[in-house]
């Protein structure tokens, strides 16, 4: 147990070491590919597709029962 605590204490960073490292971005970092631009729309559609399919299934079942 003491050995484990010593390893954790040795690897724990101090608050002064926990700063954010700033990197130089390449000049073309702001250009997005077509896949990157379409990702937001794809996520939106896929998020709602399951909900709409569930509602359609419930509606079809309700139509057949009533």
PDB file of N, CA and C in Angstrom:
ATOM      1  N   UNK A   1       0.833  -1.188   0.000  1.00  0.00           N
ATOM      2  CA  UNK A   1       0.000   0.000   0.000  1.00  0.00           C
ATOM      3  C   UNK A   1       0.874   1.245   0.000  1.00  0.00           C
ATOM      4  N   UNK A   2       1.917   1.257   0.808  1.00  0.00           N
ATOM      5  CA  UNK A   2       2.785   2.429   0.875  1.00  0.00           C
ATOM      6  C   UNK A   2       3.531   2.635  -0.431  1.00  0.00           C
ATOM      7  N   UNK A   3       3.914   1.527  -1.054  1.00  0.00           N
ATOM      8  CA  UNK A   3       4.602   1.649  -2.341  1.00  0.00           C
ATOM      9  C   UNK A   3       3.687   2.258  -3.392  1.00  0.00           C
ATOM     10  N   UNK A   4       2.412   1.859  -3.374  1.00  0.00           N
ATOM     11  CA  UNK A   4       1.459   2.404  -4.337  1.00  0.00           C
ATOM     12  C   UNK A   4       1.248   3.898  -4.114  1.00  0.00           C
ATOM     13  N   UNK A   5       1.151   4.309  -2.850  1.00  0.00           N
ATOM     14  CA  UNK A   5       0.972   5.723  -2.544  1.00  0.00           C
ATOM     15  C   UNK A   5       2.202   6.527  -2.949  1.00  0.00           C
ATOM     16  N   UNK A   6       3.375   5.954  -2.776  1.00  0.00           N
ATOM     17  CA  UNK A   6       4.599   6.651  -3.155  1.00  0.00           C
ATOM     18  C   UNK A   6       4.663   6.838  -4.659  1.00  0.00           C
ATOM     19  N   UNK A   7       4.211   5.857  -5.417  1.00  0.00           N
ATOM     20  CA  UNK A   7       4.208   5.972  -6.880  1.00  0.00           C
ATOM     21  C   UNK A   7       3.222   7.040  -7.320  1.00  0.00           C
ATOM     22  N   UNK A   8       2.052   7.062  -6.699  1.00  0.00           N
ATOM     23  CA  UNK A   8       1.047   8.068  -7.043  1.00  0.00           C
ATOM     24  C   UNK A   8       1.539   9.455  -6.674  1.00  0.00           C
ATOM     25  N   UNK A   9       2.146   9.591  -5.510  1.00  0.00           N
ATOM     26  CA  UNK A   9       2.651  10.887  -5.082  1.00  0.00           C
ATOM     27  C   UNK A   9       3.790  11.359  -5.979  1.00  0.00           C
ATOM     28  N   UNK A  10       4.593  10.429  -6.468  1.00  0.00           N
ATOM     29  CA  UNK A  10       5.718  10.802  -7.328  1.00  0.00           C
ATOM     30  C   UNK A  10       5.255  11.215  -8.716  1.00  0.00           C
ATOM     31  N   UNK A  11       4.176  10.625  -9.203  1.00  0.00           N
ATOM     32  CA  UNK A  11       3.713  10.941 -10.557  1.00  0.00           C
ATOM     33  C   UNK A  11       2.713  12.085 -10.593  1.00  0.00           C
ATOM     34  N   UNK A  12       2.185  12.482  -9.453  1.00  0.00           N
ATOM     35  CA  UNK A  12       1.201  13.569  -9.410  1.00  0.00           C
ATOM     36  C   UNK A  12       1.897  14.888  -9.738  1.00  0.00           C
ATOM     37  N   UNK A  13       1.290  15.655 -10.655  1.00  0.00           N
ATOM     38  CA  UNK A  13       1.886  16.934 -11.032  1.00  0.00           C
ATOM     39  C   UNK A  13       1.436  18.027 -10.078  1.00  0.00           C
ATOM     40  N   UNK A  14       2.269  18.995  -9.897  1.00  0.00           N
ATOM     41  CA  UNK A  14       1.898  20.115  -9.049  1.00  0.00           C
ATOM     42  C   UNK A  14       1.049  21.092  -9.855  1.00  0.00           C
ATOM     43  N   UNK A  15       0.471  22.055  -9.184  1.00  0.00           N
ATOM     44  CA  UNK A  15      -0.388  23.016  -9.875  1.00  0.00           C
ATOM     45  C   UNK A  15       0.395  23.867 -10.872  1.00  0.00           C
ATOM     46  N   UNK A  16       1.653  24.130 -10.594  1.00  0.00           N
ATOM     47  CA  UNK A  16       2.438  24.939 -11.519  1.00  0.00           C
ATOM     48  C   UNK A  16       2.773  24.164 -12.790  1.00  0.00           C
ATOM     49  N   UNK A  17       2.830  22.829 -12.708  1.00  0.00           N
ATOM     50  CA  UNK A  17       3.115  22.010 -13.886  1.00  0.00           C
ATOM     51  C   UNK A  17       1.866  21.696 -14.685  1.00  0.00           C
ATOM     52  N   UNK A  18       0.693  21.990 -14.162  1.00  0.00           N
ATOM     53  CA  UNK A  18      -0.557  21.589 -14.805  1.00  0.00           C
ATOM     54  C   UNK A  18      -1.072  22.633 -15.786  1.00  0.00           C
ATOM     55  N   UNK A  19      -0.259  23.592 -16.169  1.00  0.00           N
ATOM     56  CA  UNK A  19      -0.696  24.612 -17.113  1.00  0.00           C
ATOM     57  C   UNK A  19      -0.957  24.032 -18.495  1.00  0.00           C
ATOM     58  N   UNK A  20      -1.640  24.799 -19.300  1.00  0.00           N
ATOM     59  CA  UNK A  20      -1.974  24.356 -20.644  1.00  0.00           C
ATOM     60  C   UNK A  20      -0.794  24.631 -21.562  1.00  0.00           C
ATOM     61  N   UNK A  21      -0.394  23.631 -22.280  1.00  0.00           N
ATOM     62  CA  UNK A  21       0.701  23.802 -23.229  1.00  0.00           C
ATOM     63  C   UNK A  21       0.163  24.455 -24.493  1.00  0.00           C
ATOM     64  N   UNK A  22       0.815  25.497 -24.918  1.00  0.00           N
ATOM     65  CA  UNK A  22       0.396  26.205 -26.120  1.00  0.00           C
ATOM     66  C   UNK A  22       1.269  25.724 -27.262  1.00  0.00           C
ATOM     67  N   UNK A  23       0.618  25.280 -28.324  1.00  0.00           N
ATOM     68  CA  UNK A  23       1.340  24.780 -29.476  1.00  0.00           C
ATOM     69  C   UNK A  23       1.127  25.717 -30.648  1.00  0.00           C
ATOM     70  N   UNK A  24       2.112  25.763 -31.512  1.00  0.00           N
ATOM     71  CA  UNK A  24       1.953  26.516 -32.744  1.00  0.00           C
ATOM     72  C   UNK A  24       1.130  25.684 -33.713  1.00  0.00           C
ATOM     73  N   UNK A  25       0.012  26.242 -34.158  1.00  0.00           N
ATOM     74  CA  UNK A  25      -0.830  25.535 -35.098  1.00  0.00           C
ATOM     75  C   UNK A  25      -0.310  25.730 -36.508  1.00  0.00           C
ATOM     76  N   UNK A  26      -0.439  24.738 -37.342  1.00  0.00           N
ATOM     77  CA  UNK A  26      -0.039  24.928 -38.724  1.00  0.00           C
ATOM     78  C   UNK A  26      -0.938  25.956 -39.411  1.00  0.00           C
ATOM     79  N   UNK A  27      -0.436  26.534 -40.469  1.00  0.00           N
ATOM     80  CA  UNK A  27      -1.195  27.594 -41.131  1.00  0.00           C
ATOM     81  C   UNK A  27      -2.496  27.092 -41.720  1.00  0.00           C
ATOM     82  N   UNK A  28      -2.557  25.846 -42.119  1.00  0.00           N
ATOM     83  CA  UNK A  28      -3.778  25.324 -42.731  1.00  0.00           C
ATOM     84  C   UNK A  28      -4.686  24.628 -41.723  1.00  0.00           C
ATOM     85  N   UNK A  29      -4.542  24.899 -40.447  1.00  0.00           N
ATOM     86  CA  UNK A  29      -5.343  24.235 -39.420  1.00  0.00           C
ATOM     87  C   UNK A  29      -6.791  24.697 -39.447  1.00  0.00           C
ATOM     88  N   UNK A  30      -7.060  25.879 -39.950  1.00  0.00           N
ATOM     89  CA  UNK A  30      -8.428  26.383 -39.953  1.00  0.00           C
ATOM     90  C   UNK A  30      -9.240  25.875 -41.133  1.00  0.00           C
ATOM     91  N   UNK A  31      -8.629  25.240 -42.106  1.00  0.00           N
ATOM     92  CA  UNK A  31      -9.372  24.705 -43.238  1.00  0.00           C
ATOM     93  C   UNK A  31      -9.947  23.353 -42.858  1.00  0.00           C
ATOM     94  N   UNK A  32     -11.214  23.162 -43.142  1.00  0.00           N
ATOM     95  CA  UNK A  32     -11.902  21.930 -42.815  1.00  0.00           C
ATOM     96  C   UNK A  32     -12.233  21.177 -44.094  1.00  0.00           C
ATOM     97  N   UNK A  33     -12.143  19.881 -44.033  1.00  0.00           N
ATOM     98  CA  UNK A  33     -12.524  19.082 -45.184  1.00  0.00           C
ATOM     99  C   UNK A  33     -14.043  18.993 -45.251  1.00  0.00           C
ATOM    100  N   UNK A  34     -14.536  18.467 -46.352  1.00  0.00           N
ATOM    101  CA  UNK A  34     -15.986  18.344 -46.509  1.00  0.00           C
ATOM    102  C   UNK A  34     -16.561  17.391 -45.462  1.00  0.00           C
ATOM    103  N   UNK A  35     -15.797  16.378 -45.078  1.00  0.00           N
ATOM    104  CA  UNK A  35     -16.268  15.446 -44.049  1.00  0.00           C
ATOM    105  C   UNK A  35     -16.383  16.142 -42.699  1.00  0.00           C
ATOM    106  N   UNK A  36     -15.435  17.024 -42.382  1.00  0.00           N
ATOM    107  CA  UNK A  36     -15.501  17.757 -41.111  1.00  0.00           C
ATOM    108  C   UNK A  36     -16.684  18.713 -41.088  1.00  0.00           C
ATOM    109  N   UNK A  37     -16.965  19.349 -42.219  1.00  0.00           N
ATOM    110  CA  UNK A  37     -18.099  20.269 -42.273  1.00  0.00           C
ATOM    111  C   UNK A  37     -19.425  19.536 -42.196  1.00  0.00           C
ATOM    112  N   UNK A  38     -19.500  18.340 -42.765  1.00  0.00           N
ATOM    113  CA  UNK A  38     -20.748  17.581 -42.774  1.00  0.00           C
ATOM    114  C   UNK A  38     -20.996  16.850 -41.465  1.00  0.00           C
ATOM    115  N   UNK A  39     -20.003  16.766 -40.619  1.00  0.00           N
ATOM    116  CA  UNK A  39     -20.129  15.983 -39.396  1.00  0.00           C
ATOM    117  C   UNK A  39     -21.246  16.497 -38.488  1.00  0.00           C
ATOM    118  N   UNK A  40     -21.394  17.793 -38.377  1.00  0.00           N
ATOM    119  CA  UNK A  40     -22.443  18.345 -37.519  1.00  0.00           C
ATOM    120  C   UNK A  40     -23.830  17.958 -37.989  1.00  0.00           C
ATOM    121  N   UNK A  41     -24.062  18.051 -39.291  1.00  0.00           N
ATOM    122  CA  UNK A  41     -25.367  17.687 -39.834  1.00  0.00           C
ATOM    123  C   UNK A  41     -25.626  16.193 -39.693  1.00  0.00           C
ATOM    124  N   UNK A  42     -24.604  15.402 -39.904  1.00  0.00           N
ATOM    125  CA  UNK A  42     -24.755  13.947 -39.777  1.00  0.00           C
ATOM    126  C   UNK A  42     -25.080  13.571 -38.339  1.00  0.00           C
ATOM    127  N   UNK A  43     -24.418  14.202 -37.393  1.00  0.00           N
ATOM    128  CA  UNK A  43     -24.709  13.915 -35.987  1.00  0.00           C
ATOM    129  C   UNK A  43     -26.128  14.325 -35.630  1.00  0.00           C
ATOM    130  N   UNK A  44     -26.591  15.459 -36.156  1.00  0.00           N
ATOM    131  CA  UNK A  44     -27.955  15.916 -35.871  1.00  0.00           C
ATOM    132  C   UNK A  44     -28.980  14.935 -36.425  1.00  0.00           C
ATOM    133  N   UNK A  45     -28.782  14.511 -37.673  1.00  0.00           N
ATOM    134  CA  UNK A  45     -29.722  13.583 -38.295  1.00  0.00           C
ATOM    135  C   UNK A  45     -29.713  12.238 -37.583  1.00  0.00           C
ATOM    136  N   UNK A  46     -28.538  11.729 -37.261  1.00  0.00           N
ATOM    137  CA  UNK A  46     -28.471  10.428 -36.605  1.00  0.00           C
ATOM    138  C   UNK A  46     -29.033  10.484 -35.189  1.00  0.00           C
ATOM    139  N   UNK A  47     -28.946  11.637 -34.556  1.00  0.00           N
ATOM    140  CA  UNK A  47     -29.496  11.787 -33.205  1.00  0.00           C
ATOM    141  C   UNK A  47     -31.012  11.668 -33.224  1.00  0.00           C
ATOM    142  N   UNK A  48     -31.652  12.246 -34.246  1.00  0.00           N
ATOM    143  CA  UNK A  48     -33.101  12.251 -34.321  1.00  0.00           C
ATOM    144  C   UNK A  48     -33.676  11.070 -35.086  1.00  0.00           C
ATOM    145  N   UNK A  49     -32.884  10.345 -35.845  1.00  0.00           N
ATOM    146  CA  UNK A  49     -33.390   9.240 -36.650  1.00  0.00           C
ATOM    147  C   UNK A  49     -33.957   8.123 -35.774  1.00  0.00           C
ATOM    148  N   UNK A  50     -33.297   7.799 -34.701  1.00  0.00           N
ATOM    149  CA  UNK A  50     -33.792   6.761 -33.805  1.00  0.00           C
ATOM    150  C   UNK A  50     -35.087   7.155 -33.126  1.00  0.00           C
ATOM    151  N   UNK A  51     -35.173   8.402 -32.724  1.00  0.00           N
ATOM    152  CA  UNK A  51     -36.393   8.888 -32.069  1.00  0.00           C
ATOM    153  C   UNK A  51     -37.560   8.866 -33.050  1.00  0.00           C
ATOM    154  N   UNK A  52     -37.321   9.316 -34.275  1.00  0.00           N
ATOM    155  CA  UNK A  52     -38.382   9.320 -35.279  1.00  0.00           C
ATOM    156  C   UNK A  52     -38.804   7.899 -35.658  1.00  0.00           C
ATOM    157  N   UNK A  53     -37.857   6.987 -35.749  1.00  0.00           N
ATOM    158  CA  UNK A  53     -38.201   5.595 -36.052  1.00  0.00           C
ATOM    159  C   UNK A  53     -39.033   4.987 -34.923  1.00  0.00           C
ATOM    160  N   UNK A  54     -38.690   5.300 -33.692  1.00  0.00           N
ATOM    161  CA  UNK A  54     -39.471   4.809 -32.554  1.00  0.00           C
ATOM    162  C   UNK A  54     -40.886   5.360 -32.585  1.00  0.00           C
ATOM    163  N   UNK A  55     -41.027   6.653 -32.841  1.00  0.00           N
ATOM    164  CA  UNK A  55     -42.359   7.264 -32.903  1.00  0.00           C
ATOM    165  C   UNK A  55     -43.179   6.690 -34.055  1.00  0.00           C
ATOM    166  N   UNK A  56     -42.529   6.431 -35.182  1.00  0.00           N
ATOM    167  CA  UNK A  56     -43.231   5.834 -36.314  1.00  0.00           C
ATOM    168  C   UNK A  56     -43.700   4.418 -35.981  1.00  0.00           C
ATOM    169  N   UNK A  57     -42.878   3.661 -35.287  1.00  0.00           N
ATOM    170  CA  UNK A  57     -43.272   2.304 -34.896  1.00  0.00           C
ATOM    171  C   UNK A  57     -44.442   2.338 -33.924  1.00  0.00           C
ATOM    172  N   UNK A  58     -44.399   3.227 -32.960  1.00  0.00           N
ATOM    173  CA  UNK A  58     -45.503   3.360 -32.007  1.00  0.00           C
ATOM    174  C   UNK A  58     -46.777   3.794 -32.730  1.00  0.00           C
ATOM    175  N   UNK A  59     -46.644   4.739 -33.668  1.00  0.00           N
ATOM    176  CA  UNK A  59     -47.809   5.177 -34.443  1.00  0.00           C
ATOM    177  C   UNK A  59     -48.394   4.070 -35.300  1.00  0.00           C
ATOM    178  N   UNK A  60     -47.538   3.256 -35.908  1.00  0.00           N
ATOM    179  CA  UNK A  60     -48.033   2.137 -36.717  1.00  0.00           C
ATOM    180  C   UNK A  60     -48.743   1.104 -35.854  1.00  0.00           C
ATOM    181  N   UNK A  61     -48.200   0.819 -34.683  1.00  0.00           N
ATOM    182  CA  UNK A  61     -48.843  -0.123 -33.773  1.00  0.00           C
ATOM    183  C   UNK A  61     -50.187   0.428 -33.306  1.00  0.00           C
ATOM    184  N   UNK A  62     -50.222   1.709 -32.963  1.00  0.00           N
ATOM    185  CA  UNK A  62     -51.478   2.326 -32.521  1.00  0.00           C
ATOM    186  C   UNK A  62     -52.503   2.326 -33.654  1.00  0.00           C
ATOM    187  N   UNK A  63     -52.068   2.548 -34.888  1.00  0.00           N
ATOM    188  CA  UNK A  63     -52.981   2.529 -36.033  1.00  0.00           C
ATOM    189  C   UNK A  63     -53.582   1.136 -36.230  1.00  0.00           C
ATOM    190  N   UNK A  64     -52.752   0.112 -36.074  1.00  0.00           N
ATOM    191  CA  UNK A  64     -53.259  -1.245 -36.259  1.00  0.00           C
ATOM    192  C   UNK A  64     -54.191  -1.688 -35.129  1.00  0.00           C
ATOM    193  N   UNK A  65     -53.924  -1.203 -33.927  1.00  0.00           N
ATOM    194  CA  UNK A  65     -54.760  -1.605 -32.784  1.00  0.00           C
ATOM    195  C   UNK A  65     -56.088  -0.859 -32.778  1.00  0.00           C
ATOM    196  N   UNK A  66     -56.066   0.429 -33.039  1.00  0.00           N
ATOM    197  CA  UNK A  66     -57.282   1.238 -32.943  1.00  0.00           C
ATOM    198  C   UNK A  66     -57.825   1.414 -34.312  1.00  0.00           C
TER     199      UNK A  66
END
